[in-house]
Amino acid sequence: MIILKCPECGYIDSKVVDSRPTDSRIRRRRECINCGYRFTTYEMVENIPLMVIKKDNSIEPFNREKLIDRILRAAVKRPVNVGIIEDMVESIVQELKNKLIREVSSDKIGEMVLHRLKDVDVVAYIRFASVYREFSDIDSFLKIITELSTDIK
């Protein structure tokens, strides 16, 4: 935490008199509680990129478009609105940001997608799960279909 001192007397408490957004910053006009001196500060939102830890342990920046594309592939020829998928990805990003997560595994993202996709379209859910969980045989499909039918009942 940065302690903001009055440039005139060095007192550590001030009040905000006026705030205005400018480009990518917020301009704040402050007044020292001790001496009444007015000064201006600028605040910037720190945007730390979300990094994805892949299954091979390589790390790459999170790519929203790539995730949307993968979900769209699973939902091809299904009655799933693109806006719903975009909202789904946005909610995943917001959840991770709210938890202050800077690095997340691709497995965690996949589980978050599956959790949301189950409520949107079960066929797209099964398709996404088959790629994400790397189904290698018919038993894998049967298992997830059984789980889904148990959840629906």
Protein backbone atom coordinates (compact mmCIF):
# COMPACT_ATOMS: atom_id res chain seq x y z
CA MET A 1 0.00 0.00 0.00
CA ILE A 2 1.29 3.43 -0.95
CA ILE A 3 0.97 6.20 1.62
CA LEU A 4 -0.01 9.42 -0.09
CA LYS A 5 1.51 12.44 1.67
CA CYS A 6 0.62 16.09 1.22
CA PRO A 7 3.37 17.64 -0.94
CA GLU A 8 3.19 20.83 1.18
CA CYS A 9 3.27 19.63 4.81
CA GLY A 10 3.79 15.84 4.54
CA TYR A 11 0.56 14.94 6.36
CA ILE A 12 -0.71 11.47 5.38
CA ASP A 13 -4.45 12.14 5.19
CA SER A 14 -6.33 13.97 2.45
CA LYS A 15 -9.85 14.06 1.08
CA VAL A 16 -10.93 13.80 -2.53
CA VAL A 17 -12.56 17.00 -3.72
CA ASP A 18 -13.14 16.03 -7.36
CA SER A 19 -12.66 12.93 -9.57
CA ARG A 20 -12.66 12.76 -13.35
CA PRO A 21 -11.82 9.94 -15.75
CA THR A 22 -9.16 10.73 -18.36
CA ASP A 23 -8.14 8.20 -21.01
CA SER A 24 -6.94 5.20 -19.00
CA ARG A 25 -6.48 7.12 -15.74
CA ILE A 26 -8.56 8.80 -13.05
CA ARG A 27 -7.65 12.36 -12.13
CA ARG A 28 -8.33 13.19 -8.48
CA ARG A 29 -8.20 16.62 -6.93
CA ARG A 30 -7.29 16.26 -3.25
CA GLU A 31 -7.18 18.53 -0.24
CA CYS A 32 -4.89 17.97 2.75
CA ILE A 33 -6.85 17.54 5.98
CA ASN A 34 -4.05 19.24 7.97
CA CYS A 35 -3.09 22.36 5.98
CA GLY A 36 -5.82 22.62 3.31
CA TYR A 37 -3.32 22.47 0.41
CA ARG A 38 -4.90 21.20 -2.81
CA PHE A 39 -3.05 18.88 -5.17
CA THR A 40 -3.79 16.51 -8.06
CA THR A 41 -3.13 12.79 -8.28
CA TYR A 42 -3.62 10.35 -11.15
CA GLU A 43 -4.62 6.75 -10.66
CA MET A 44 -4.24 3.95 -13.17
CA VAL A 45 -5.91 0.57 -13.03
CA GLU A 46 -3.27 -2.11 -12.94
CA ASN A 47 -4.10 -4.67 -15.58
CA ILE A 48 -2.17 -7.84 -14.91
CA PRO A 49 -2.64 -10.38 -17.69
CA LEU A 50 -4.18 -13.74 -16.89
CA MET A 51 -1.79 -16.57 -17.71
CA VAL A 52 -2.83 -20.13 -18.59
CA ILE A 53 -0.79 -23.14 -17.51
CA LYS A 54 -1.18 -25.70 -20.28
CA LYS A 55 -1.19 -29.48 -19.83
CA ASP A 56 2.47 -29.64 -20.94
CA ASN A 57 3.29 -27.05 -18.20
CA SER A 58 4.00 -24.30 -20.72
CA ILE A 59 2.50 -20.92 -19.89
CA GLU A 60 0.76 -18.56 -22.30
CA PRO A 61 -1.46 -15.48 -22.00
CA PHE A 62 -5.19 -16.16 -21.72
CA ASN A 63 -6.86 -15.75 -25.10
CA ARG A 64 -10.58 -14.99 -24.88
CA GLU A 65 -11.12 -15.51 -28.63
CA LYS A 66 -9.46 -18.92 -28.53
CA LEU A 67 -11.79 -20.06 -25.74
CA ILE A 68 -14.86 -18.72 -27.56
CA ASP A 69 -13.71 -20.55 -30.70
CA ARG A 70 -13.35 -23.86 -28.82
CA ILE A 71 -16.82 -23.55 -27.31
CA LEU A 72 -18.29 -22.58 -30.70
CA ARG A 73 -16.76 -25.73 -32.21
CA ALA A 74 -18.53 -27.82 -29.58
CA ALA A 75 -21.80 -25.98 -30.26
CA VAL A 76 -21.69 -26.19 -34.06
CA LYS A 77 -25.15 -26.87 -35.56
CA ARG A 78 -26.70 -26.49 -32.11
CA PRO A 79 -29.23 -23.84 -31.09
CA VAL A 80 -26.68 -21.93 -29.01
CA ASN A 81 -26.50 -18.17 -29.36
CA VAL A 82 -23.00 -16.69 -29.79
CA GLY A 83 -23.93 -14.02 -27.24
CA ILE A 84 -24.51 -16.71 -24.62
CA ILE A 85 -21.04 -18.12 -25.28
CA GLU A 86 -19.46 -14.67 -25.08
CA ASP A 87 -21.28 -14.04 -21.78
CA MET A 88 -20.09 -17.44 -20.52
CA VAL A 89 -16.46 -16.59 -21.28
CA GLU A 90 -16.86 -13.14 -19.71
CA SER A 91 -18.25 -14.67 -16.52
CA ILE A 92 -15.27 -17.06 -16.38
CA VAL A 93 -12.82 -14.18 -16.80
CA GLN A 94 -14.60 -12.10 -14.15
CA GLU A 95 -14.67 -15.01 -11.70
CA LEU A 96 -10.92 -15.50 -12.09
CA LYS A 97 -10.23 -11.76 -11.76
CA ASN A 98 -12.44 -11.50 -8.68
CA LYS A 99 -10.45 -14.30 -7.06
CA LEU A 100 -7.27 -12.37 -7.97
CA ILE A 101 -5.93 -15.37 -9.86
CA ARG A 102 -3.01 -14.52 -12.15
CA GLU A 103 -2.21 -18.04 -13.32
CA VAL A 104 -4.83 -20.69 -13.97
CA SER A 105 -4.54 -24.19 -15.37
CA SER A 106 -6.24 -25.04 -18.63
CA ASP A 107 -7.94 -27.86 -16.69
CA LYS A 108 -9.57 -25.33 -14.35
CA ILE A 109 -10.81 -23.25 -17.29
CA GLY A 110 -12.17 -26.40 -18.94
CA GLU A 111 -14.07 -27.33 -15.79
CA MET A 112 -15.50 -23.82 -15.56
CA VAL A 113 -16.68 -24.07 -19.18
CA LEU A 114 -18.23 -27.49 -18.59
CA HIS A 115 -20.04 -26.27 -15.49
CA ARG A 116 -21.67 -23.47 -17.48
CA LEU A 117 -22.14 -25.38 -20.74
CA LYS A 118 -24.14 -28.11 -19.03
CA ASP A 119 -26.96 -25.61 -18.44
CA VAL A 120 -26.81 -24.26 -22.00
CA ASP A 121 -26.73 -27.35 -24.25
CA VAL A 122 -26.00 -30.95 -23.27
CA VAL A 123 -24.81 -31.96 -26.75
CA ALA A 124 -22.30 -29.10 -26.81
CA TYR A 125 -21.35 -30.11 -23.26
CA ILE A 126 -20.60 -33.70 -24.35
CA ARG A 127 -18.66 -32.52 -27.40
CA PHE A 128 -16.57 -30.10 -25.34
CA ALA A 129 -15.98 -32.73 -22.65
CA SER A 130 -14.87 -35.30 -25.23
CA VAL A 131 -12.08 -33.04 -26.45
CA TYR A 132 -11.22 -31.42 -23.12
CA ARG A 133 -11.11 -34.72 -21.19
CA GLU A 134 -9.55 -36.55 -24.14
CA PHE A 135 -12.10 -39.36 -24.45
CA SER A 136 -10.39 -42.38 -25.95
CA ASP A 137 -13.18 -44.95 -25.97
CA ILE A 138 -16.94 -45.45 -25.93
CA ASP A 139 -16.93 -46.03 -22.16
CA SER A 140 -15.85 -42.42 -21.59
CA PHE A 141 -18.87 -41.21 -23.56
CA LEU A 142 -21.21 -43.59 -21.77
CA LYS A 143 -19.93 -42.46 -18.39
CA ILE A 144 -20.56 -38.76 -19.05
CA ILE A 145 -23.98 -39.46 -20.59
CA THR A 146 -24.91 -41.50 -17.51
CA GLU A 147 -23.76 -38.64 -15.26
CA LEU A 148 -25.85 -36.18 -17.28
CA SER A 149 -28.98 -38.32 -17.20
CA THR A 150 -28.59 -38.70 -13.42
CA ASP A 151 -28.25 -34.91 -13.04
CA ILE A 152 -31.32 -34.22 -15.20
CA LYS A 153 -33.62 -36.55 -13.24
